[in-house]
Amino acid sequence: TAPVVQPAARQPVRTSEPEIPEWSEMSLEFRSGFSPPRLDVHVYDDEPSRRFILIDLQRFSEGDTLDSGAKLEKILPGSIQLYYQGTRFRIDR
């Protein structure tokens, strides 16, 4: 009888950027130099122009710079992605 040939396992195709670490996964040194914002309101919409957050009742949209100096890069369904002093991270709701 002929041997059964199984096709090679397919590796998932990565279509998104590498996983962005969550705030709690950041080094203690980094966390001690930056206080994460407290989100009052988090609004996600499929339409990017409708996404916003409120921090201390101040409205921010993607691309805005928070009072802390961190740039709000993305508002995601369950988190926000920030960029601060060369480091990208997310804060989950």
N, C-alpha and C. Protein backbone atom coordinates (compact mmCIF):
# COMPACT_ATOMS: atom_id res chain seq x y z
N THR A 1 0.83 -1.18 0.00
CA THR A 1 0.00 0.00 0.00
C THR A 1 0.88 1.25 0.00
N ALA A 2 0.39 2.27 -0.60
CA ALA A 2 1.13 3.54 -0.66
C ALA A 2 0.99 4.29 0.64
N PRO A 3 2.06 4.96 1.10
CA PRO A 3 1.95 5.74 2.33
C PRO A 3 1.00 6.92 2.14
N VAL A 4 0.34 7.28 3.22
CA VAL A 4 -0.57 8.42 3.21
C VAL A 4 0.25 9.68 3.44
N VAL A 5 0.14 10.60 2.55
CA VAL A 5 0.88 11.86 2.68
C VAL A 5 -0.08 12.93 3.19
N GLN A 6 0.27 13.50 4.32
CA GLN A 6 -0.55 14.57 4.91
C GLN A 6 0.05 15.91 4.49
N PRO A 7 -0.79 16.85 4.13
CA PRO A 7 -0.25 18.17 3.79
C PRO A 7 0.38 18.82 5.02
N ALA A 8 1.39 19.65 4.79
CA ALA A 8 2.05 20.35 5.89
C ALA A 8 1.06 21.26 6.58
N ALA A 9 1.21 21.38 7.88
CA ALA A 9 0.34 22.27 8.65
C ALA A 9 0.55 23.70 8.17
N ARG A 10 -0.52 24.39 7.97
CA ARG A 10 -0.43 25.77 7.51
C ARG A 10 -0.21 26.68 8.71
N GLN A 11 0.72 27.56 8.58
CA GLN A 11 0.96 28.56 9.61
C GLN A 11 -0.01 29.71 9.39
N PRO A 12 -0.60 30.23 10.48
CA PRO A 12 -1.51 31.36 10.28
C PRO A 12 -0.76 32.55 9.70
N VAL A 13 -1.41 33.23 8.81
CA VAL A 13 -0.82 34.42 8.19
C VAL A 13 -1.06 35.58 9.13
N ARG A 14 0.01 36.26 9.49
CA ARG A 14 -0.12 37.40 10.40
C ARG A 14 -0.42 38.64 9.57
N THR A 15 -1.62 39.16 9.76
CA THR A 15 -2.03 40.33 8.99
C THR A 15 -1.99 41.61 9.81
N SER A 16 -1.78 41.49 11.10
CA SER A 16 -1.74 42.68 11.94
C SER A 16 -0.34 42.85 12.50
N GLU A 17 -0.13 44.00 13.10
CA GLU A 17 1.18 44.28 13.68
C GLU A 17 1.41 43.39 14.91
N PRO A 18 2.65 43.29 15.35
CA PRO A 18 2.93 42.46 16.53
C PRO A 18 2.12 42.93 17.73
N GLU A 19 1.91 42.03 18.64
CA GLU A 19 1.12 42.32 19.85
C GLU A 19 1.75 43.49 20.61
N ILE A 20 0.93 44.44 20.96
CA ILE A 20 1.36 45.60 21.73
C ILE A 20 1.20 45.23 23.21
N PRO A 21 2.25 45.40 24.02
CA PRO A 21 2.14 45.02 25.43
C PRO A 21 1.14 45.87 26.20
N GLU A 22 0.50 45.26 27.16
CA GLU A 22 -0.44 45.95 28.03
C GLU A 22 0.35 46.67 29.12
N TRP A 23 -0.21 47.73 29.66
CA TRP A 23 0.45 48.57 30.67
C TRP A 23 1.10 47.74 31.77
N SER A 24 0.39 46.76 32.30
CA SER A 24 0.91 45.97 33.41
C SER A 24 2.10 45.09 33.01
N GLU A 25 2.31 44.89 31.71
CA GLU A 25 3.44 44.09 31.22
C GLU A 25 4.69 44.94 31.02
N MET A 26 4.56 46.23 31.16
CA MET A 26 5.71 47.12 30.96
C MET A 26 6.66 47.02 32.15
N SER A 27 7.91 47.40 31.94
CA SER A 27 8.90 47.32 33.01
C SER A 27 8.53 48.27 34.15
N LEU A 28 8.95 47.93 35.33
CA LEU A 28 8.70 48.78 36.50
C LEU A 28 9.31 50.16 36.30
N GLU A 29 10.47 50.20 35.67
CA GLU A 29 11.14 51.47 35.40
C GLU A 29 10.25 52.37 34.53
N PHE A 30 9.68 51.79 33.49
CA PHE A 30 8.81 52.57 32.61
C PHE A 30 7.55 53.02 33.34
N ARG A 31 6.91 52.08 34.05
CA ARG A 31 5.67 52.39 34.75
C ARG A 31 5.87 53.44 35.84
N SER A 32 7.04 53.48 36.45
CA SER A 32 7.27 54.47 37.51
C SER A 32 7.43 55.88 36.94
N GLY A 33 7.70 55.98 35.63
CA GLY A 33 7.88 57.29 35.01
C GLY A 33 6.68 57.80 34.25
N PHE A 34 5.58 57.05 34.30
CA PHE A 34 4.39 57.45 33.55
C PHE A 34 3.15 56.97 34.30
N SER A 35 2.24 57.88 34.57
CA SER A 35 0.98 57.50 35.22
C SER A 35 -0.09 57.30 34.16
N PRO A 36 -0.67 56.11 34.09
CA PRO A 36 -1.68 55.88 33.06
C PRO A 36 -2.93 56.72 33.30
N PRO A 37 -3.56 57.18 32.23
CA PRO A 37 -4.77 57.98 32.40
C PRO A 37 -5.94 57.13 32.89
N ARG A 38 -6.85 57.76 33.60
CA ARG A 38 -8.07 57.08 34.04
C ARG A 38 -9.16 57.46 33.04
N LEU A 39 -9.62 56.45 32.32
CA LEU A 39 -10.64 56.69 31.29
C LEU A 39 -12.00 56.88 31.93
N ASP A 40 -12.63 58.03 31.65
CA ASP A 40 -13.99 58.27 32.10
C ASP A 40 -14.98 57.64 31.11
N VAL A 41 -14.68 57.80 29.82
CA VAL A 41 -15.54 57.28 28.75
C VAL A 41 -14.65 56.73 27.65
N HIS A 42 -15.05 55.60 27.08
CA HIS A 42 -14.33 54.95 25.98
C HIS A 42 -15.36 54.63 24.91
N VAL A 43 -15.27 55.28 23.75
CA VAL A 43 -16.22 55.05 22.67
C VAL A 43 -15.48 54.52 21.45
N TYR A 44 -15.83 53.30 21.06
CA TYR A 44 -15.27 52.70 19.85
C TYR A 44 -16.38 52.61 18.80
N ASP A 45 -16.03 52.91 17.56
CA ASP A 45 -16.96 52.79 16.45
C ASP A 45 -16.16 52.27 15.26
N ASP A 46 -16.82 51.54 14.36
CA ASP A 46 -16.13 51.08 13.15
C ASP A 46 -15.59 52.25 12.33
N GLU A 47 -16.25 53.38 12.41
CA GLU A 47 -15.81 54.59 11.72
C GLU A 47 -14.82 55.33 12.63
N PRO A 48 -13.54 55.38 12.25
CA PRO A 48 -12.52 56.00 13.12
C PRO A 48 -12.85 57.42 13.57
N SER A 49 -13.51 58.21 12.73
CA SER A 49 -13.80 59.60 13.12
C SER A 49 -14.79 59.69 14.27
N ARG A 50 -15.49 58.61 14.58
CA ARG A 50 -16.46 58.60 15.68
C ARG A 50 -15.88 58.05 16.98
N ARG A 51 -14.64 57.61 16.96
CA ARG A 51 -14.01 57.08 18.17
C ARG A 51 -13.49 58.22 19.03
N PHE A 52 -13.66 58.09 20.35
CA PHE A 52 -13.07 59.07 21.26
C PHE A 52 -13.03 58.50 22.66
N ILE A 53 -12.23 59.15 23.49
CA ILE A 53 -12.18 58.84 24.92
C ILE A 53 -12.32 60.14 25.69
N LEU A 54 -12.75 60.03 26.93
CA LEU A 54 -12.76 61.17 27.84
C LEU A 54 -11.85 60.82 29.00
N ILE A 55 -10.92 61.73 29.28
CA ILE A 55 -10.03 61.63 30.44
C ILE A 55 -10.23 62.92 31.22
N ASP A 56 -10.61 62.79 32.48
CA ASP A 56 -10.95 63.97 33.28
C ASP A 56 -11.95 64.85 32.53
N LEU A 57 -12.90 64.19 31.87
CA LEU A 57 -13.96 64.82 31.10
C LEU A 57 -13.46 65.68 29.95
N GLN A 58 -12.22 65.45 29.51
CA GLN A 58 -11.66 66.12 28.33
C GLN A 58 -11.65 65.11 27.19
N ARG A 59 -12.14 65.52 26.03
CA ARG A 59 -12.28 64.62 24.88
C ARG A 59 -10.98 64.52 24.09
N PHE A 60 -10.62 63.27 23.72
CA PHE A 60 -9.44 63.01 22.90
C PHE A 60 -9.82 62.04 21.79
N SER A 61 -9.26 62.25 20.60
CA SER A 61 -9.46 61.37 19.46
C SER A 61 -8.11 60.79 19.05
N GLU A 62 -8.14 59.80 18.15
CA GLU A 62 -6.90 59.20 17.67
C GLU A 62 -6.00 60.28 17.08
N GLY A 63 -4.74 60.25 17.45
CA GLY A 63 -3.77 61.23 16.97
C GLY A 63 -3.53 62.37 17.94
N ASP A 64 -4.40 62.54 18.92
CA ASP A 64 -4.24 63.61 19.90
C ASP A 64 -3.15 63.26 20.91
N THR A 65 -2.59 64.30 21.51
CA THR A 65 -1.61 64.14 22.57
C THR A 65 -2.29 64.43 23.90
N LEU A 66 -2.16 63.48 24.82
CA LEU A 66 -2.76 63.64 26.15
C LEU A 66 -1.95 64.63 26.97
N ASP A 67 -2.51 65.09 28.07
CA ASP A 67 -1.81 66.04 28.94
C ASP A 67 -0.49 65.47 29.46
N SER A 68 -0.40 64.14 29.55
CA SER A 68 0.82 63.47 30.03
C SER A 68 1.94 63.51 29.00
N GLY A 69 1.62 63.88 27.76
CA GLY A 69 2.60 63.87 26.68
C GLY A 69 2.52 62.61 25.83
N ALA A 70 1.71 61.64 26.21
CA ALA A 70 1.54 60.42 25.43
C ALA A 70 0.63 60.69 24.24
N LYS A 71 0.95 60.10 23.11
CA LYS A 71 0.11 60.23 21.92
C LYS A 71 -0.91 59.08 21.91
N LEU A 72 -2.16 59.43 21.69
CA LEU A 72 -3.22 58.44 21.56
C LEU A 72 -3.20 57.96 20.11
N GLU A 73 -2.59 56.79 19.90
CA GLU A 73 -2.45 56.28 18.53
C GLU A 73 -3.72 55.62 18.02
N LYS A 74 -4.32 54.76 18.86
CA LYS A 74 -5.50 54.02 18.40
C LYS A 74 -6.50 53.86 19.54
N ILE A 75 -7.76 53.90 19.18
CA ILE A 75 -8.83 53.53 20.09
C ILE A 75 -9.37 52.21 19.56
N LEU A 76 -9.18 51.16 20.33
CA LEU A 76 -9.56 49.81 19.95
C LEU A 76 -10.83 49.41 20.69
N PRO A 77 -11.49 48.31 20.29
CA PRO A 77 -12.75 47.93 20.95
C PRO A 77 -12.64 47.78 22.47
N GLY A 78 -11.54 47.26 22.98
CA GLY A 78 -11.43 47.05 24.42
C GLY A 78 -10.25 47.73 25.07
N SER A 79 -9.59 48.64 24.34
CA SER A 79 -8.39 49.27 24.89
C SER A 79 -8.04 50.53 24.10
N ILE A 80 -7.01 51.20 24.57
CA ILE A 80 -6.42 52.31 23.81
C ILE A 80 -4.94 52.00 23.64
N GLN A 81 -4.38 52.47 22.56
CA GLN A 81 -2.95 52.29 22.31
C GLN A 81 -2.27 53.64 22.38
N LEU A 82 -1.24 53.72 23.23
CA LEU A 82 -0.51 54.97 23.44
C LEU A 82 0.93 54.82 22.99
N TYR A 83 1.56 55.95 22.70
CA TYR A 83 2.98 56.02 22.36
C TYR A 83 3.58 57.09 23.25
N TYR A 84 4.58 56.70 24.05
CA TYR A 84 5.18 57.64 25.00
C TYR A 84 6.68 57.40 25.06
N GLN A 85 7.46 58.41 24.77
CA GLN A 85 8.92 58.39 24.83
C GLN A 85 9.50 57.15 24.14
N GLY A 86 9.05 56.92 22.92
CA GLY A 86 9.58 55.83 22.11
C GLY A 86 9.02 54.45 22.43
N THR A 87 8.01 54.38 23.29
CA THR A 87 7.44 53.10 23.69
C THR A 87 5.95 53.07 23.39
N ARG A 88 5.53 51.99 22.76
CA ARG A 88 4.13 51.78 22.40
C ARG A 88 3.55 50.74 23.36
N PHE A 89 2.36 51.04 23.89
CA PHE A 89 1.69 50.12 24.82
C PHE A 89 0.20 50.37 24.79
N ARG A 90 -0.54 49.49 25.41
CA ARG A 90 -2.00 49.66 25.45
C ARG A 90 -2.49 49.64 26.88
N ILE A 91 -3.64 50.25 27.06
CA ILE A 91 -4.31 50.23 28.37
C ILE A 91 -5.68 49.65 28.11
N ASP A 92 -5.95 48.51 28.75
CA ASP A 92 -7.25 47.86 28.59
C ASP A 92 -8.28 48.55 29.45
N ARG A 93 -9.54 48.49 28.98
CA ARG A 93 -10.64 49.07 29.75
C ARG A 93 -10.85 48.31 31.01
